């Protein structure tokens, strides 16, 4: 009986990873737009007046609010707020695997076709400095380059070293994080946006 009950609990809907319920959850949209009969991916340059990451290149998206019924709903809401695109006019193509940056941060990416004419007339200049597009054909042929960034854990001043083996001499394991770069025209796409873009291109190849 105990094992049967446990089996039932384990087969129910579970979180994507341990800690998902309390993680900072974001959703982004990878917008596909058609320009002169050719498909492009659209990117934003964040406003230079933004408090966080001004001038960074990103996809439309942001934090999933408690009022958002789903990650997709959050991506559509953010796309409307940033680009002025009516969610009813968005053609959802599909979703990608969530990007788990850490146990406290996850991003849910979605792919959608949107009307480019609607964007260039209505994007929110308080949040978006400018928009630009990159042809999908170019992305399929381009080889991004990578640099490694060393990430080392640093315990806080109140960390209980007395409770772990070797105490303050404990050998923390550093890790290397891959940072990918796409150079297109005057723009350099890197960071979280480049990681999601790279996965998207790999999937459609």
N, C-alpha and C. Protein backbone atom coordinates (compact mmCIF):
# COMPACT_ATOMS: atom_id res chain seq x y z
N UNK A 1 0.83 -1.20 0.00
CA UNK A 1 0.00 0.00 0.00
C UNK A 1 0.87 1.26 0.00
N UNK A 2 1.87 1.25 0.86
CA UNK A 2 2.76 2.41 0.95
C UNK A 2 3.47 2.65 -0.37
N UNK A 3 4.00 1.56 -0.97
CA UNK A 3 4.72 1.70 -2.23
C UNK A 3 3.79 2.09 -3.37
N UNK A 4 2.53 1.56 -3.36
CA UNK A 4 1.57 1.92 -4.39
C UNK A 4 1.24 3.42 -4.33
N UNK A 5 1.09 3.92 -3.11
CA UNK A 5 0.80 5.34 -2.93
C UNK A 5 1.99 6.19 -3.40
N UNK A 6 3.19 5.72 -3.08
CA UNK A 6 4.39 6.44 -3.50
C UNK A 6 4.49 6.45 -5.02
N UNK A 7 4.19 5.31 -5.64
CA UNK A 7 4.25 5.22 -7.10
C UNK A 7 3.27 6.20 -7.73
N UNK A 8 2.09 6.30 -7.14
CA UNK A 8 1.08 7.23 -7.65
C UNK A 8 1.58 8.67 -7.55
N UNK A 9 2.21 9.00 -6.45
CA UNK A 9 2.73 10.36 -6.26
C UNK A 9 3.84 10.67 -7.25
N UNK A 10 4.68 9.68 -7.52
CA UNK A 10 5.82 9.89 -8.42
C UNK A 10 5.41 9.98 -9.88
N UNK A 11 4.24 9.46 -10.22
CA UNK A 11 3.79 9.50 -11.61
C UNK A 11 2.95 10.75 -11.91
N UNK A 12 2.62 11.49 -10.86
CA UNK A 12 1.87 12.73 -11.08
C UNK A 12 2.80 13.79 -11.66
N UNK A 13 2.19 14.88 -12.12
CA UNK A 13 2.99 15.97 -12.68
C UNK A 13 4.03 16.45 -11.68
N UNK A 14 5.27 16.44 -12.11
CA UNK A 14 6.34 16.90 -11.25
C UNK A 14 6.99 18.12 -11.88
N UNK A 15 7.71 18.85 -11.08
CA UNK A 15 8.41 20.02 -11.59
C UNK A 15 9.51 19.57 -12.54
N UNK A 16 9.94 20.48 -13.39
CA UNK A 16 10.99 20.19 -14.36
C UNK A 16 12.29 19.83 -13.67
N UNK A 17 12.59 20.50 -12.59
CA UNK A 17 13.79 20.23 -11.81
C UNK A 17 13.53 20.64 -10.37
N UNK A 18 14.32 20.10 -9.46
CA UNK A 18 14.15 20.42 -8.05
C UNK A 18 14.42 21.91 -7.83
N UNK A 19 13.44 22.60 -7.29
CA UNK A 19 13.58 24.03 -7.05
C UNK A 19 12.84 24.89 -8.05
N UNK A 20 12.18 24.26 -9.05
CA UNK A 20 11.50 25.05 -10.08
C UNK A 20 10.42 25.95 -9.49
N UNK A 21 9.71 25.45 -8.49
CA UNK A 21 8.60 26.22 -7.91
C UNK A 21 9.05 27.53 -7.29
N UNK A 22 10.26 27.57 -6.78
CA UNK A 22 10.75 28.77 -6.11
C UNK A 22 11.79 29.53 -6.94
N UNK A 23 12.10 29.05 -8.13
CA UNK A 23 13.10 29.69 -8.97
C UNK A 23 12.56 30.97 -9.59
N UNK A 24 13.47 31.83 -10.01
CA UNK A 24 13.09 32.99 -10.82
C UNK A 24 12.77 32.46 -12.21
N UNK A 25 11.51 32.58 -12.62
CA UNK A 25 11.04 31.98 -13.87
C UNK A 25 10.75 33.06 -14.90
N UNK A 26 11.35 32.90 -16.08
CA UNK A 26 11.14 33.85 -17.17
C UNK A 26 10.70 33.11 -18.42
N UNK A 27 10.10 33.86 -19.33
CA UNK A 27 9.68 33.28 -20.62
C UNK A 27 10.07 34.27 -21.72
N UNK A 28 10.55 33.74 -22.83
CA UNK A 28 10.91 34.59 -23.96
C UNK A 28 10.28 34.06 -25.24
N UNK A 29 10.14 34.96 -26.19
CA UNK A 29 9.62 34.60 -27.50
C UNK A 29 10.73 34.79 -28.52
N UNK A 30 10.95 33.78 -29.36
CA UNK A 30 11.86 33.91 -30.49
C UNK A 30 11.00 34.31 -31.67
N UNK A 31 11.01 35.59 -32.04
CA UNK A 31 10.08 36.06 -33.08
C UNK A 31 10.62 35.85 -34.49
N UNK A 32 9.86 35.17 -35.30
CA UNK A 32 10.18 35.01 -36.72
C UNK A 32 9.36 36.02 -37.51
N UNK A 33 10.04 36.79 -38.34
CA UNK A 33 9.35 37.78 -39.17
C UNK A 33 9.76 37.59 -40.63
N UNK A 34 8.84 37.89 -41.53
CA UNK A 34 9.12 37.73 -42.95
C UNK A 34 9.40 39.09 -43.56
N UNK A 35 10.58 39.21 -44.16
CA UNK A 35 10.98 40.45 -44.81
C UNK A 35 11.42 40.12 -46.23
N UNK A 36 10.72 40.71 -47.21
CA UNK A 36 11.02 40.44 -48.63
C UNK A 36 11.06 38.94 -48.92
N UNK A 37 10.04 38.25 -48.42
CA UNK A 37 9.88 36.81 -48.67
C UNK A 37 10.98 35.95 -48.03
N UNK A 38 11.71 36.50 -47.08
CA UNK A 38 12.74 35.72 -46.39
C UNK A 38 12.50 35.80 -44.89
N UNK A 39 12.64 34.66 -44.20
CA UNK A 39 12.41 34.62 -42.76
C UNK A 39 13.63 35.12 -42.00
N UNK A 40 13.37 35.95 -41.00
CA UNK A 40 14.40 36.49 -40.14
C UNK A 40 14.02 36.22 -38.68
N UNK A 41 15.02 36.24 -37.81
CA UNK A 41 14.79 36.25 -36.36
C UNK A 41 14.94 37.69 -35.89
N UNK A 42 14.00 38.15 -35.09
CA UNK A 42 14.03 39.53 -34.61
C UNK A 42 14.63 39.60 -33.21
N UNK A 43 15.44 40.62 -32.98
CA UNK A 43 16.07 40.85 -31.68
C UNK A 43 15.78 42.27 -31.21
N UNK A 44 15.85 42.45 -29.91
CA UNK A 44 15.71 43.77 -29.31
C UNK A 44 17.06 44.22 -28.77
N UNK A 45 17.29 45.53 -28.80
CA UNK A 45 18.38 46.13 -28.03
C UNK A 45 17.70 46.84 -26.87
N UNK A 46 18.00 46.41 -25.66
CA UNK A 46 17.35 46.99 -24.49
C UNK A 46 17.69 48.47 -24.36
N UNK A 47 16.70 49.24 -23.93
CA UNK A 47 16.88 50.68 -23.77
C UNK A 47 18.09 51.01 -22.91
N UNK A 48 18.81 52.05 -23.28
CA UNK A 48 19.99 52.46 -22.53
C UNK A 48 19.63 53.03 -21.16
N UNK A 49 18.35 53.32 -20.97
CA UNK A 49 17.93 53.87 -19.68
C UNK A 49 17.41 52.80 -18.72
N UNK A 50 17.41 51.53 -19.16
CA UNK A 50 16.93 50.45 -18.31
C UNK A 50 17.88 50.25 -17.12
N UNK A 51 17.30 49.92 -15.97
CA UNK A 51 18.11 49.71 -14.77
C UNK A 51 18.97 48.47 -14.88
N UNK A 52 18.44 47.41 -15.49
CA UNK A 52 19.18 46.16 -15.63
C UNK A 52 19.54 45.92 -17.09
N UNK A 53 20.80 45.60 -17.30
CA UNK A 53 21.34 45.21 -18.61
C UNK A 53 20.98 46.18 -19.74
N UNK A 54 21.21 47.48 -19.55
CA UNK A 54 20.93 48.43 -20.63
C UNK A 54 21.81 48.15 -21.84
N UNK A 55 21.21 48.23 -23.03
CA UNK A 55 21.97 48.03 -24.25
C UNK A 55 22.20 46.59 -24.65
N UNK A 56 21.82 45.64 -23.79
CA UNK A 56 22.00 44.22 -24.13
C UNK A 56 21.03 43.82 -25.23
N UNK A 57 21.43 42.82 -25.99
CA UNK A 57 20.56 42.27 -27.03
C UNK A 57 19.79 41.09 -26.46
N UNK A 58 18.49 41.07 -26.73
CA UNK A 58 17.65 40.04 -26.12
C UNK A 58 16.48 39.70 -27.02
N UNK A 59 15.78 38.64 -26.64
CA UNK A 59 14.47 38.35 -27.21
C UNK A 59 13.43 39.04 -26.35
N UNK A 60 12.25 39.32 -26.90
CA UNK A 60 11.19 39.85 -26.03
C UNK A 60 10.82 38.81 -24.98
N UNK A 61 10.58 39.29 -23.77
CA UNK A 61 10.23 38.37 -22.69
C UNK A 61 10.58 38.95 -21.35
N UNK A 62 10.36 38.18 -20.31
CA UNK A 62 10.65 38.64 -18.97
C UNK A 62 10.09 37.70 -17.93
N UNK A 63 10.00 38.23 -16.73
CA UNK A 63 9.59 37.43 -15.58
C UNK A 63 8.14 36.93 -15.72
N UNK A 64 7.92 35.71 -15.29
CA UNK A 64 6.57 35.15 -15.25
C UNK A 64 5.89 35.64 -13.97
N UNK A 65 4.83 36.41 -14.13
CA UNK A 65 4.10 36.95 -12.98
C UNK A 65 3.13 35.91 -12.43
N UNK A 66 2.73 36.09 -11.18
CA UNK A 66 1.77 35.17 -10.57
C UNK A 66 0.43 35.21 -11.29
N UNK A 67 0.15 36.31 -11.98
CA UNK A 67 -1.12 36.44 -12.71
C UNK A 67 -1.07 35.80 -14.09
N UNK A 68 0.11 35.38 -14.54
CA UNK A 68 0.23 34.72 -15.85
C UNK A 68 -0.20 33.26 -15.72
N UNK A 69 -1.17 32.82 -16.51
CA UNK A 69 -1.64 31.43 -16.40
C UNK A 69 -0.62 30.40 -16.87
N UNK A 70 0.38 30.82 -17.64
CA UNK A 70 1.38 29.88 -18.15
C UNK A 70 2.62 30.65 -18.61
N UNK A 71 3.73 29.94 -18.79
CA UNK A 71 4.92 30.61 -19.34
C UNK A 71 4.65 31.23 -20.71
N UNK A 72 3.88 30.55 -21.55
CA UNK A 72 3.56 31.10 -22.87
C UNK A 72 2.79 32.41 -22.73
N UNK A 73 1.83 32.43 -21.82
CA UNK A 73 1.06 33.65 -21.60
C UNK A 73 1.97 34.80 -21.18
N UNK A 74 2.98 34.49 -20.37
CA UNK A 74 3.92 35.51 -19.93
C UNK A 74 4.74 36.03 -21.12
N UNK A 75 5.19 35.12 -21.99
CA UNK A 75 5.97 35.52 -23.15
C UNK A 75 5.15 36.42 -24.07
N UNK A 76 3.88 36.08 -24.25
CA UNK A 76 3.01 36.89 -25.11
C UNK A 76 2.73 38.25 -24.47
N UNK A 77 2.53 38.27 -23.18
CA UNK A 77 2.28 39.55 -22.48
C UNK A 77 3.49 40.46 -22.60
N UNK A 78 4.68 39.90 -22.36
CA UNK A 78 5.89 40.70 -22.44
C UNK A 78 6.13 41.19 -23.87
N UNK A 79 5.82 40.34 -24.85
CA UNK A 79 5.99 40.74 -26.25
C UNK A 79 5.06 41.90 -26.60
N UNK A 80 3.87 41.86 -26.05
CA UNK A 80 2.92 42.97 -26.25
C UNK A 80 3.44 44.25 -25.60
N UNK A 81 3.95 44.12 -24.36
CA UNK A 81 4.42 45.30 -23.63
C UNK A 81 5.66 45.91 -24.29
N UNK A 82 6.51 45.08 -24.86
CA UNK A 82 7.77 45.57 -25.42
C UNK A 82 7.66 45.93 -26.90
N UNK A 83 6.93 45.13 -27.67
CA UNK A 83 6.87 45.33 -29.11
C UNK A 83 5.51 45.79 -29.61
N UNK A 84 4.50 45.79 -28.73
CA UNK A 84 3.17 46.23 -29.14
C UNK A 84 2.43 45.24 -30.01
N UNK A 85 2.83 43.98 -29.97
CA UNK A 85 2.21 42.95 -30.82
C UNK A 85 1.02 42.34 -30.10
N UNK A 86 -0.13 42.40 -30.73
CA UNK A 86 -1.36 41.83 -30.17
C UNK A 86 -1.19 40.31 -30.08
N UNK A 87 -1.34 39.73 -28.88
CA UNK A 87 -1.18 38.28 -28.74
C UNK A 87 -2.08 37.47 -29.67
N UNK A 88 -3.22 38.03 -30.04
CA UNK A 88 -4.15 37.31 -30.92
C UNK A 88 -3.60 37.15 -32.33
N UNK A 89 -2.63 37.99 -32.69
CA UNK A 89 -2.07 37.92 -34.04
C UNK A 89 -0.80 37.08 -34.11
N UNK A 90 -0.36 36.55 -32.97
CA UNK A 90 0.88 35.77 -32.92
C UNK A 90 0.60 34.31 -33.30
N UNK A 91 1.39 33.79 -34.22
CA UNK A 91 1.26 32.40 -34.64
C UNK A 91 2.33 31.57 -33.91
N UNK A 92 1.89 30.85 -32.88
CA UNK A 92 2.83 30.04 -32.09
C UNK A 92 3.27 28.82 -32.89
N UNK A 93 4.58 28.71 -33.11
CA UNK A 93 5.12 27.58 -33.88
C UNK A 93 5.43 26.40 -32.97
N UNK A 94 5.94 26.69 -31.79
CA UNK A 94 6.28 25.62 -30.86
C UNK A 94 7.12 26.15 -29.70
N UNK A 95 7.61 25.24 -28.90
CA UNK A 95 8.43 25.61 -27.74
C UNK A 95 9.75 24.87 -27.79
N UNK A 96 10.74 25.42 -27.10
CA UNK A 96 12.03 24.76 -26.95
C UNK A 96 12.15 24.22 -25.54
N UNK A 97 13.14 23.39 -25.32
CA UNK A 97 13.40 22.91 -23.97
C UNK A 97 13.73 24.10 -23.08
N UNK A 98 13.23 24.12 -21.85
CA UNK A 98 13.57 25.22 -20.94
C UNK A 98 15.07 25.28 -20.71
N UNK A 99 15.56 26.49 -20.55
CA UNK A 99 16.97 26.69 -20.25
C UNK A 99 17.11 26.87 -18.74
N UNK A 100 17.75 25.90 -18.08
CA UNK A 100 17.94 25.95 -16.64
C UNK A 100 19.33 26.52 -16.38
N UNK A 101 19.36 27.84 -16.13
CA UNK A 101 20.64 28.50 -15.91
C UNK A 101 21.25 28.09 -14.58
N UNK A 102 20.39 27.87 -13.58
CA UNK A 102 20.81 27.42 -12.26
C UNK A 102 19.57 26.92 -11.54
N UNK A 103 19.71 26.30 -10.37
CA UNK A 103 18.52 25.85 -9.64
C UNK A 103 17.59 27.00 -9.23
N UNK A 104 18.06 28.24 -9.41
CA UNK A 104 17.21 29.38 -9.03
C UNK A 104 16.80 30.23 -10.21
N UNK A 105 17.09 29.79 -11.44
CA UNK A 105 16.77 30.60 -12.61
C UNK A 105 16.50 29.71 -13.81
N UNK A 106 15.29 29.83 -14.39
CA UNK A 106 14.93 29.04 -15.55
C UNK A 106 14.20 29.93 -16.56
N UNK A 107 14.45 29.65 -17.85
CA UNK A 107 13.82 30.42 -18.93
C UNK A 107 13.09 29.45 -19.85
N UNK A 108 11.85 29.79 -20.18
CA UNK A 108 11.02 28.97 -21.07
C UNK A 108 10.94 29.68 -22.43
N UNK A 109 11.57 29.14 -23.48
CA UNK A 109 11.55 29.81 -24.80
C UNK A 109 10.43 29.26 -25.70
N UNK A 110 9.83 30.16 -26.46
CA UNK A 110 8.80 29.80 -27.44
C UNK A 110 9.15 30.42 -28.78
N UNK A 111 8.74 29.76 -29.84
CA UNK A 111 9.01 30.24 -31.20
C UNK A 111 7.68 30.64 -31.82
N UNK A 112 7.65 31.81 -32.45
CA UNK A 112 6.39 32.30 -33.02
C UNK A 112 6.66 33.17 -34.23
N UNK A 113 5.71 33.18 -35.16
CA UNK A 113 5.76 34.08 -36.31
C UNK A 113 4.89 35.29 -35.99
N UNK A 114 5.45 36.48 -36.24
CA UNK A 114 4.69 37.70 -35.98
C UNK A 114 4.83 38.66 -37.16
N UNK A 115 3.94 39.62 -37.21
CA UNK A 115 3.89 40.58 -38.31
C UNK A 115 4.92 41.68 -38.07
N UNK A 116 5.93 41.73 -38.93
CA UNK A 116 7.00 42.71 -38.76
C UNK A 116 6.48 44.14 -38.86
N UNK A 117 5.50 44.37 -39.72
CA UNK A 117 4.96 45.72 -39.89
C UNK A 117 4.32 46.22 -38.60
N UNK A 118 3.73 45.31 -37.85
CA UNK A 118 3.10 45.69 -36.59
C UNK A 118 4.15 46.15 -35.57
N UNK A 119 5.32 45.52 -35.62
CA UNK A 119 6.37 45.83 -34.65
C UNK A 119 7.00 47.20 -34.92
N UNK A 120 7.38 47.46 -36.16
CA UNK A 120 8.11 48.68 -36.46
C UNK A 120 7.27 49.93 -36.21
N UNK A 121 5.99 49.75 -36.08
CA UNK A 121 5.11 50.89 -35.83
C UNK A 121 4.82 51.09 -34.35
N UNK A 122 5.10 50.10 -33.52
CA UNK A 122 4.56 50.17 -32.17
C UNK A 122 5.48 49.75 -31.03
N UNK A 123 6.78 49.50 -31.28
CA UNK A 123 7.59 49.00 -30.17
C UNK A 123 7.80 50.10 -29.11
N UNK A 124 7.91 49.65 -27.86
CA UNK A 124 7.96 50.53 -26.69
C UNK A 124 9.37 51.08 -26.51
N UNK A 125 9.55 52.35 -26.84
CA UNK A 125 10.89 52.95 -26.79
C UNK A 125 11.40 53.17 -25.36
N UNK A 126 10.54 53.03 -24.37
CA UNK A 126 11.00 53.12 -22.98
C UNK A 126 11.76 51.86 -22.57
N UNK A 127 11.43 50.74 -23.21
CA UNK A 127 12.09 49.48 -22.89
C UNK A 127 13.02 49.00 -23.99
N UNK A 128 12.74 49.39 -25.22
CA UNK A 128 13.49 48.90 -26.37
C UNK A 128 14.14 50.06 -27.11
N UNK A 129 15.47 50.04 -27.17
CA UNK A 129 16.21 51.10 -27.86
C UNK A 129 16.03 51.01 -29.36
N UNK A 130 16.14 49.78 -29.85
CA UNK A 130 15.95 49.53 -31.28
C UNK A 130 15.69 48.05 -31.50
N UNK A 131 15.26 47.73 -32.70
CA UNK A 131 15.09 46.33 -33.08
C UNK A 131 15.91 46.08 -34.34
N UNK A 132 16.32 44.84 -34.54
CA UNK A 132 16.99 44.46 -35.78
C UNK A 132 16.69 43.00 -36.05
N UNK A 133 16.94 42.57 -37.26
CA UNK A 133 16.65 41.18 -37.63
C UNK A 133 17.88 40.54 -38.27
N UNK A 134 17.94 39.22 -38.16
CA UNK A 134 19.02 38.44 -38.76
C UNK A 134 18.36 37.34 -39.59
N UNK A 135 18.74 37.20 -40.85
CA UNK A 135 18.14 36.15 -41.68
C UNK A 135 18.39 34.75 -41.11
N UNK A 136 17.36 33.94 -41.13
CA UNK A 136 17.50 32.56 -40.65
C UNK A 136 18.56 31.83 -41.47
N UNK A 137 18.60 32.08 -42.76
CA UNK A 137 19.58 31.44 -43.63
C UNK A 137 21.00 31.75 -43.15
N UNK A 138 21.24 33.00 -42.77
CA UNK A 138 22.57 33.39 -42.28
C UNK A 138 22.90 32.65 -40.99
N UNK A 139 21.92 32.56 -40.08
CA UNK A 139 22.13 31.88 -38.81
C UNK A 139 22.43 30.40 -39.00
N UNK A 140 21.80 29.78 -39.99
CA UNK A 140 22.03 28.36 -40.25
C UNK A 140 23.45 28.11 -40.77
N UNK A 141 24.03 29.10 -41.42
CA UNK A 141 25.36 28.92 -42.00
C UNK A 141 26.49 29.44 -41.10
N UNK A 142 26.14 30.31 -40.15
CA UNK A 142 27.16 30.95 -39.32
C UNK A 142 27.66 30.00 -38.23
N UNK A 143 28.96 30.08 -37.96
CA UNK A 143 29.55 29.30 -36.88
C UNK A 143 29.86 30.24 -35.72
N UNK A 144 29.08 30.19 -34.63
CA UNK A 144 29.37 31.06 -33.50
C UNK A 144 30.67 30.65 -32.83
N UNK A 145 31.29 31.58 -32.14
CA UNK A 145 32.52 31.25 -31.42
C UNK A 145 32.28 31.32 -29.92
N UNK A 146 33.15 30.68 -29.16
CA UNK A 146 32.90 30.49 -27.74
C UNK A 146 34.11 30.89 -26.90
N UNK A 147 33.82 31.45 -25.73
CA UNK A 147 34.85 31.73 -24.73
C UNK A 147 34.38 31.15 -23.40
N UNK A 148 35.33 30.69 -22.60
CA UNK A 148 35.01 30.12 -21.30
C UNK A 148 35.12 31.17 -20.20
N UNK A 149 34.18 31.11 -19.28
CA UNK A 149 34.20 31.99 -18.11
C UNK A 149 34.26 31.09 -16.88
N UNK A 150 35.24 31.30 -16.02
CA UNK A 150 35.37 30.50 -14.80
C UNK A 150 34.41 31.01 -13.73
N UNK A 151 33.68 30.08 -13.15
CA UNK A 151 32.71 30.42 -12.09
C UNK A 151 33.12 29.67 -10.83
N UNK A 152 33.42 30.39 -9.77
CA UNK A 152 33.85 29.78 -8.53
C UNK A 152 32.90 30.13 -7.39
N UNK A 153 32.45 29.12 -6.63
CA UNK A 153 31.55 29.40 -5.50
C UNK A 153 32.28 30.12 -4.38
N UNK A 154 31.62 31.10 -3.79
CA UNK A 154 32.20 31.85 -2.67
C UNK A 154 31.22 31.81 -1.51
N UNK A 155 31.49 31.01 -0.46
CA UNK A 155 30.56 30.90 0.67
C UNK A 155 30.42 32.24 1.39
N UNK A 156 29.23 32.48 1.95
CA UNK A 156 28.98 33.70 2.70
C UNK A 156 29.72 33.69 4.03
N UNK A 157 29.79 34.84 4.67
CA UNK A 157 30.53 34.97 5.92
C UNK A 157 29.93 34.13 7.05
N UNK A 158 28.64 33.77 6.91
CA UNK A 158 27.98 32.98 7.97
C UNK A 158 27.92 31.49 7.63
N UNK A 159 28.67 31.07 6.61
CA UNK A 159 28.63 29.66 6.21
C UNK A 159 29.16 28.78 7.35
N UNK A 160 28.44 27.69 7.71
CA UNK A 160 28.85 26.83 8.86
C UNK A 160 29.95 25.85 8.49
N UNK A 161 31.17 26.35 8.35
CA UNK A 161 32.29 25.48 7.97
C UNK A 161 32.51 24.36 8.97
N UNK A 162 32.13 24.60 10.23
CA UNK A 162 32.37 23.59 11.26
C UNK A 162 31.52 22.34 11.06
N UNK A 163 30.54 22.42 10.19
CA UNK A 163 29.66 21.27 9.97
C UNK A 163 30.08 20.40 8.79
N UNK A 164 31.10 20.81 8.05
CA UNK A 164 31.49 20.04 6.87
C UNK A 164 32.94 19.56 7.01
N UNK A 165 33.22 18.46 6.33
CA UNK A 165 34.56 17.90 6.36
C UNK A 165 35.58 18.89 5.79
N UNK A 166 36.70 19.02 6.47
CA UNK A 166 37.79 19.92 6.07
C UNK A 166 37.48 21.39 6.31
N UNK A 167 36.30 21.69 6.83
CA UNK A 167 35.98 23.05 7.24
C UNK A 167 36.30 24.10 6.20
N UNK A 168 36.99 25.16 6.64
CA UNK A 168 37.32 26.27 5.75
C UNK A 168 38.29 25.86 4.65
N UNK A 169 38.91 24.67 4.79
CA UNK A 169 39.83 24.19 3.77
C UNK A 169 39.13 23.35 2.70
N UNK A 170 37.81 23.27 2.79
CA UNK A 170 37.05 22.47 1.82
C UNK A 170 37.37 22.95 0.40
N UNK A 171 37.60 22.00 -0.49
CA UNK A 171 37.95 22.34 -1.87
C UNK A 171 36.68 22.48 -2.72
N UNK A 172 36.26 23.73 -2.89
CA UNK A 172 35.08 23.98 -3.72
C UNK A 172 35.42 23.73 -5.18
N UNK A 173 34.47 23.17 -5.90
CA UNK A 173 34.71 22.83 -7.29
C UNK A 173 34.29 23.99 -8.19
N UNK A 174 35.26 24.59 -8.87
CA UNK A 174 34.96 25.65 -9.83
C UNK A 174 34.46 25.00 -11.12
N UNK A 175 33.74 25.76 -11.90
CA UNK A 175 33.26 25.24 -13.18
C UNK A 175 33.47 26.29 -14.25
N UNK A 176 33.49 25.85 -15.48
CA UNK A 176 33.64 26.76 -16.60
C UNK A 176 32.29 26.90 -17.32
N UNK A 177 31.92 28.11 -17.61
CA UNK A 177 30.67 28.38 -18.30
C UNK A 177 30.97 28.82 -19.74
N UNK A 178 30.28 28.22 -20.69
CA UNK A 178 30.48 28.58 -22.09
C UNK A 178 29.69 29.84 -22.43
N UNK A 179 30.37 30.81 -23.02
CA UNK A 179 29.70 32.00 -23.52
C UNK A 179 29.88 32.02 -25.04
N UNK A 180 28.75 31.97 -25.75
CA UNK A 180 28.76 31.92 -27.20
C UNK A 180 28.51 33.31 -27.78
N UNK A 181 29.09 33.56 -28.95
CA UNK A 181 29.00 34.87 -29.58
C UNK A 181 28.61 34.74 -31.06
N UNK A 182 27.68 35.61 -31.47
CA UNK A 182 27.28 35.75 -32.86
C UNK A 182 27.54 37.20 -33.26
N UNK A 183 28.40 37.42 -34.23
CA UNK A 183 28.67 38.77 -34.73
C UNK A 183 27.90 38.96 -36.04
N UNK A 184 26.97 39.89 -36.03
CA UNK A 184 26.20 40.19 -37.24
C UNK A 184 26.13 41.69 -37.41
N UNK A 185 26.66 42.15 -38.55
CA UNK A 185 26.69 43.58 -38.82
C UNK A 185 27.38 44.30 -37.65
N UNK A 186 26.74 45.28 -37.03
CA UNK A 186 27.35 45.99 -35.90
C UNK A 186 26.98 45.38 -34.56
N UNK A 187 26.22 44.27 -34.57
CA UNK A 187 25.69 43.70 -33.34
C UNK A 187 26.47 42.45 -32.92
N UNK A 188 26.59 42.27 -31.61
CA UNK A 188 27.13 41.03 -31.06
C UNK A 188 26.10 40.43 -30.12
N UNK A 189 25.63 39.26 -30.47
CA UNK A 189 24.64 38.54 -29.66
C UNK A 189 25.40 37.56 -28.79
N UNK A 190 25.20 37.63 -27.49
CA UNK A 190 25.92 36.75 -26.59
C UNK A 190 25.06 36.49 -25.35
N UNK A 191 25.64 35.79 -24.37
CA UNK A 191 24.94 35.55 -23.12
C UNK A 191 23.75 34.60 -23.27
N UNK A 192 22.75 34.83 -22.44
CA UNK A 192 21.57 33.98 -22.43
C UNK A 192 20.90 33.92 -23.80
N UNK A 193 20.82 35.06 -24.47
CA UNK A 193 20.18 35.11 -25.79
C UNK A 193 20.91 34.22 -26.77
N UNK A 194 22.24 34.26 -26.74
CA UNK A 194 23.03 33.44 -27.66
C UNK A 194 22.87 31.95 -27.35
N UNK A 195 22.78 31.60 -26.08
CA UNK A 195 22.61 30.19 -25.71
C UNK A 195 21.28 29.65 -26.24
N UNK A 196 20.23 30.42 -26.06
CA UNK A 196 18.91 30.00 -26.55
C UNK A 196 18.90 29.97 -28.08
N UNK A 197 19.50 30.98 -28.69
CA UNK A 197 19.57 31.03 -30.15
C UNK A 197 20.33 29.82 -30.70
N UNK A 198 21.44 29.49 -30.09
CA UNK A 198 22.24 28.35 -30.55
C UNK A 198 21.44 27.06 -30.50
N UNK A 199 20.68 26.87 -29.41
CA UNK A 199 19.86 25.67 -29.30
C UNK A 199 18.76 25.66 -30.36
N UNK A 200 18.15 26.81 -30.59
CA UNK A 200 17.10 26.93 -31.60
C UNK A 200 17.64 26.56 -32.99
N UNK A 201 18.80 27.10 -33.33
CA UNK A 201 19.38 26.81 -34.64
C UNK A 201 19.72 25.33 -34.76
N UNK A 202 20.23 24.74 -33.69
CA UNK A 202 20.55 23.32 -33.70
C UNK A 202 19.30 22.48 -33.94
N UNK A 203 18.20 22.87 -33.32
CA UNK A 203 16.94 22.13 -33.47
C UNK A 203 16.42 22.22 -34.91
N UNK A 204 16.43 23.41 -35.51
CA UNK A 204 15.84 23.55 -36.85
C UNK A 204 16.77 23.04 -37.94
N UNK A 205 18.05 22.86 -37.62
CA UNK A 205 18.97 22.27 -38.61
C UNK A 205 18.59 20.82 -38.87
